[in-house]
Protein backbone atom coordinates (compact mmCIF):
# COMPACT_ATOMS: atom_id res chain seq x y z
CA GLN A 1 -7.83 357.44 -95.20
CA ASN A 2 -7.87 361.21 -95.00
CA ARG A 3 -4.19 361.64 -94.20
CA PRO A 4 -0.94 362.31 -96.08
CA LEU A 5 0.32 359.28 -98.01
CA ASN A 6 3.35 358.58 -100.18
CA SER A 7 3.38 356.07 -103.02
CA GLN A 8 4.83 353.36 -100.74
CA ASN A 9 1.97 353.78 -98.24
CA VAL A 10 -0.53 353.32 -101.05
CA ALA A 11 1.36 350.33 -102.46
CA ASP A 12 1.39 348.66 -99.02
CA SER A 13 -2.38 349.17 -98.66
CA LEU A 14 -3.05 347.73 -102.13
CA GLN A 15 -0.57 344.84 -102.10
CA LYS A 16 -3.38 342.24 -102.00
CA TYR A 17 -4.33 343.38 -105.52
CA ASN A 18 -0.79 342.65 -106.83
CA LEU A 19 -0.35 346.17 -108.16
CA LYS A 20 3.16 347.32 -108.95
CA LYS A 21 4.53 350.43 -107.25
CA ALA A 22 5.34 352.02 -110.63
CA SER A 23 1.70 351.70 -111.72
CA ILE A 24 0.52 353.18 -108.41
CA GLN A 25 2.96 356.11 -108.77
CA LYS A 26 1.66 356.75 -112.27
CA ALA A 27 -1.97 356.67 -111.09
CA LEU A 28 -1.26 359.09 -108.23
CA ASP A 29 0.49 361.52 -110.55
CA SER A 30 -2.45 361.28 -112.97
CA LEU A 31 -4.96 362.03 -110.18
CA ALA A 32 -2.82 364.95 -109.04
CA ASP A 33 -2.53 366.35 -112.58
CA SER A 34 -6.32 366.19 -112.98
CA GLY A 35 -6.82 368.05 -109.69
CA LYS A 36 -8.64 365.18 -107.96
CA ILE A 37 -5.94 365.03 -105.29
CA SER A 38 -3.14 367.38 -104.29
CA PHE A 39 0.50 366.78 -103.42
CA LYS A 40 3.52 368.40 -101.88
CA GLU A 41 7.13 367.71 -102.65
CA TYR A 42 9.74 367.16 -99.97
CA GLY A 43 13.00 366.73 -101.81
CA LYS A 44 12.56 363.83 -104.20
CA GLN A 45 9.52 362.48 -102.34
CA LYS A 46 5.93 363.39 -103.08
CA ILE A 47 3.29 363.41 -100.39
CA TYR A 48 -0.27 363.08 -101.66
CA LEU A 49 -3.34 364.45 -99.89
CA ALA A 50 -7.05 364.27 -100.51
CA ARG A 51 -8.55 367.64 -101.44
CA GLN A 52 -10.11 368.94 -98.25
CA ASP A 53 -12.64 371.13 -100.06
CA GLN A 54 -14.57 367.98 -101.02
CA PHE A 55 -15.36 367.19 -97.38
CA ASN A 56 -18.20 368.67 -95.39
CA ILE A 57 -16.34 369.38 -92.15
CA PRO A 58 -18.76 369.61 -89.20
CA ASN A 59 -18.56 372.42 -86.68
CA ASN A 60 -18.28 371.90 -82.91
CA GLU A 61 -22.05 371.70 -82.39
CA GLU A 62 -22.41 369.13 -85.15
CA LEU A 63 -19.52 367.12 -83.74
CA ALA A 64 -21.09 367.14 -80.27
CA SER A 65 -24.42 366.02 -81.78
CA MET A 66 -22.71 363.25 -83.73
CA LYS A 67 -20.91 362.01 -80.59
CA GLU A 68 -24.18 361.96 -78.67
CA GLU A 69 -25.89 360.05 -81.46
CA ASN A 70 -22.97 357.63 -81.62
CA THR A 71 -23.26 356.99 -77.86
CA LYS A 72 -26.99 356.28 -78.21
CA LEU A 73 -26.39 353.93 -81.13
CA GLN A 74 -23.68 352.12 -79.18
CA GLU A 75 -26.04 351.63 -76.22
CA HIS A 76 -28.74 350.37 -78.58
CA LEU A 77 -26.22 347.98 -80.16
CA ASP A 78 -25.22 346.64 -76.73
CA GLN A 79 -28.89 346.06 -75.87
CA GLN A 80 -29.42 344.22 -79.15
CA LYS A 81 -26.34 342.04 -78.54
CA LYS A 82 -27.62 341.20 -75.05
CA ALA A 83 -31.06 340.32 -76.44
CA ILE A 84 -29.47 338.12 -79.11
CA THR A 85 -27.38 336.33 -76.48
CA GLU A 86 -30.50 335.65 -74.39
CA VAL A 87 -32.43 334.34 -77.39
CA GLU A 88 -29.52 332.12 -78.44
CA GLY A 89 -29.33 330.76 -74.88
CA GLU A 90 -33.06 330.00 -74.91
CA ILE A 91 -32.77 328.30 -78.31
CA LYS A 92 -29.86 326.18 -77.06
CA SER A 93 -31.85 325.22 -73.97
CA LEU A 94 -34.87 324.22 -76.06
CA GLN A 95 -32.71 322.20 -78.46
CA SER A 96 -31.24 320.26 -75.54
CA ASN A 97 -34.71 319.19 -74.36
CA LEU A 98 -36.13 315.90 -75.56
CA THR A 99 -39.12 315.79 -77.89
CA LEU A 100 -42.27 314.02 -76.70
CA GLU A 101 -41.47 311.06 -78.95
CA GLN A 102 -37.93 310.84 -77.52
CA ILE A 103 -39.34 310.98 -73.97
CA HIS A 104 -41.71 308.09 -74.71
CA ASP A 105 -38.86 306.04 -76.23
CA LYS A 106 -36.62 306.71 -73.23
CA GLU A 107 -39.42 305.84 -70.82
CA ALA A 108 -40.01 302.53 -72.59
CA LYS A 109 -36.30 301.72 -72.51
CA LEU A 110 -36.01 302.54 -68.80
CA ARG A 111 -39.09 300.48 -67.96
CA LYS A 112 -37.56 297.53 -69.82
CA GLU A 113 -34.28 297.90 -67.92
CA VAL A 114 -36.12 298.11 -64.58
CA LYS A 115 -38.12 294.97 -65.43
CA GLU A 116 -34.94 293.06 -66.34
CA MET A 117 -33.25 294.13 -63.08
CA GLU A 118 -36.32 293.21 -61.02
CA ASP A 119 -36.43 289.75 -62.64
CA LYS A 120 -32.72 289.31 -61.90
CA LEU A 121 -33.24 290.41 -58.29
CA VAL A 122 -36.06 287.89 -57.83
CA LYS A 123 -33.80 285.10 -59.09
CA LEU A 124 -30.95 286.17 -56.81
CA ARG A 125 -33.25 286.27 -53.79
CA GLY A 126 -34.48 282.81 -54.69
CA GLY A 127 -30.93 281.45 -54.64
CA VAL A 128 -30.67 280.97 -58.41
CA THR A 129 -27.09 281.06 -59.72
CA LEU A 130 -26.94 283.41 -62.70
CA VAL A 131 -23.36 282.55 -63.68
CA ARG A 132 -22.81 279.29 -65.53
CA PRO A 133 -20.32 276.88 -63.85
CA GLU A 134 -17.95 276.94 -66.84
CA GLU A 135 -17.88 280.75 -66.78
CA LYS A 136 -17.18 280.77 -63.05
CA LYS A 137 -14.40 278.20 -63.48
CA ALA A 138 -12.77 280.23 -66.25
CA VAL A 139 -12.82 283.41 -64.15
CA GLU A 140 -11.37 281.56 -61.15
CA ALA A 141 -8.57 280.18 -63.34
CA ILE A 142 -7.63 283.64 -64.57
CA TYR A 143 -7.84 285.02 -61.04
CA SER A 144 -5.65 282.21 -59.70
CA GLU A 145 -3.09 282.77 -62.47
CA LYS A 146 -2.83 286.48 -61.64
CA ILE A 147 -2.43 285.75 -57.93
CA SER A 148 0.37 283.28 -58.68
CA LEU A 149 2.10 285.78 -60.96
CA TRP A 150 1.77 288.46 -58.29
CA ARG A 151 3.25 286.15 -55.62
CA ARG A 152 6.14 285.10 -57.90
CA ARG A 153 7.06 288.66 -58.80
CA LYS A 154 6.80 289.73 -55.19
CA ARG A 155 9.26 286.97 -54.23
CA MET A 156 11.62 287.88 -57.10
CA PHE A 157 11.64 291.51 -56.00
CA LYS A 158 12.32 290.59 -52.37
CA ASP A 159 15.29 288.39 -53.33
CA LEU A 160 16.71 291.13 -55.53
CA TRP A 161 16.06 293.88 -52.97
CA ASP A 162 17.67 291.88 -50.16
CA ALA A 163 20.75 291.27 -52.30
CA ILE A 164 21.11 294.96 -53.20
CA THR A 165 20.55 296.33 -49.71
CA GLU A 166 22.32 293.66 -47.69
CA ASN A 167 25.47 295.72 -47.11
CA SER A 168 24.07 299.13 -48.07
CA PRO A 169 24.83 301.95 -45.60
CA LYS A 170 21.75 303.86 -46.75
CA ASP A 171 18.54 304.09 -44.80
CA LEU A 172 16.29 301.56 -46.57
CA LYS A 173 13.15 303.68 -46.27
CA GLU A 174 14.88 306.71 -47.78
CA PHE A 175 16.49 304.52 -50.45
CA LYS A 176 13.08 303.09 -51.37
CA GLU A 177 11.57 306.59 -51.68
CA GLU A 178 14.58 307.76 -53.70
CA LEU A 179 14.01 304.95 -56.22
CA GLY A 180 10.24 305.53 -56.26
CA ILE A 181 9.45 302.01 -55.08
CA GLU A 182 6.04 301.26 -53.56
CA TYR A 183 5.12 298.14 -51.59
CA ASP A 184 1.65 296.59 -51.83
CA GLU A 185 0.78 298.08 -48.48
CA ASP A 186 1.74 301.55 -49.69
CA VAL A 187 -1.12 301.49 -52.19
CA GLY A 188 -3.62 299.77 -49.89
CA VAL A 189 -3.55 296.18 -51.22
CA ASN A 190 -2.60 292.91 -49.58
CA LEU A 191 -1.70 289.70 -51.42
CA GLN A 192 -2.91 287.46 -48.59
CA SER A 193 -6.36 289.05 -48.35
CA VAL A 194 -6.80 288.96 -52.14
CA SER A 195 -5.77 285.28 -52.19
CA GLU A 196 -8.30 284.47 -49.46
CA LEU A 197 -11.10 285.84 -51.65
CA LEU A 198 -10.57 282.97 -54.08
CA GLN A 199 -10.51 280.36 -51.32
CA HIS A 200 -13.61 281.86 -49.75
CA GLY A 201 -15.42 281.69 -53.09
CA LYS A 202 -14.51 278.03 -53.52
CA LYS A 203 -15.67 277.09 -50.00
CA ARG A 204 -18.93 278.92 -50.55
CA ALA A 205 -19.50 277.07 -53.83
CA ARG A 206 -18.93 273.69 -52.12
CA GLY A 207 -21.31 274.72 -49.31
CA GLN A 208 -24.06 275.40 -51.79
């Protein structure tokens, strides 16, 4: 950097090389003694400067020309960056497209899936039951267990809630909101209607 520096400035700039300040001071003094750099003393501190006669300092016309050239180069750089971005985008787009072989494989897979679904649809239209009786029974048992658990917990909550709020002076709706309690109806479900689904399924099975 073409600016005044003391030995500490130089040491800070070169700290990644693990150089000691004493060695840097010695090197600066040696460069100054050989005339490669100059220095000025301010009390006990030495300020080192690069010899300015080694630089080719441009005049105003040269500076103006350099600025103009720099502006042109910057514009050219921006154009190149834009072109690179467009090419990268095109490459990314092409890489995301399937190869012809991948398209054929996907087509074959989709055709197979369509055929399987069409065969299943034909069976359903013909009244064929696709679920085995033992599977249906197992699902109904689990469903029935969950309904029973739901009903039992609903009853337990009601007993507890009635006991807590029996002599409470609070507005029950506000108290419920304060505690963050939601009833089934608050979230759009109904135990009775869900229970009827199981009964409806059993009646339908007997009708078949």
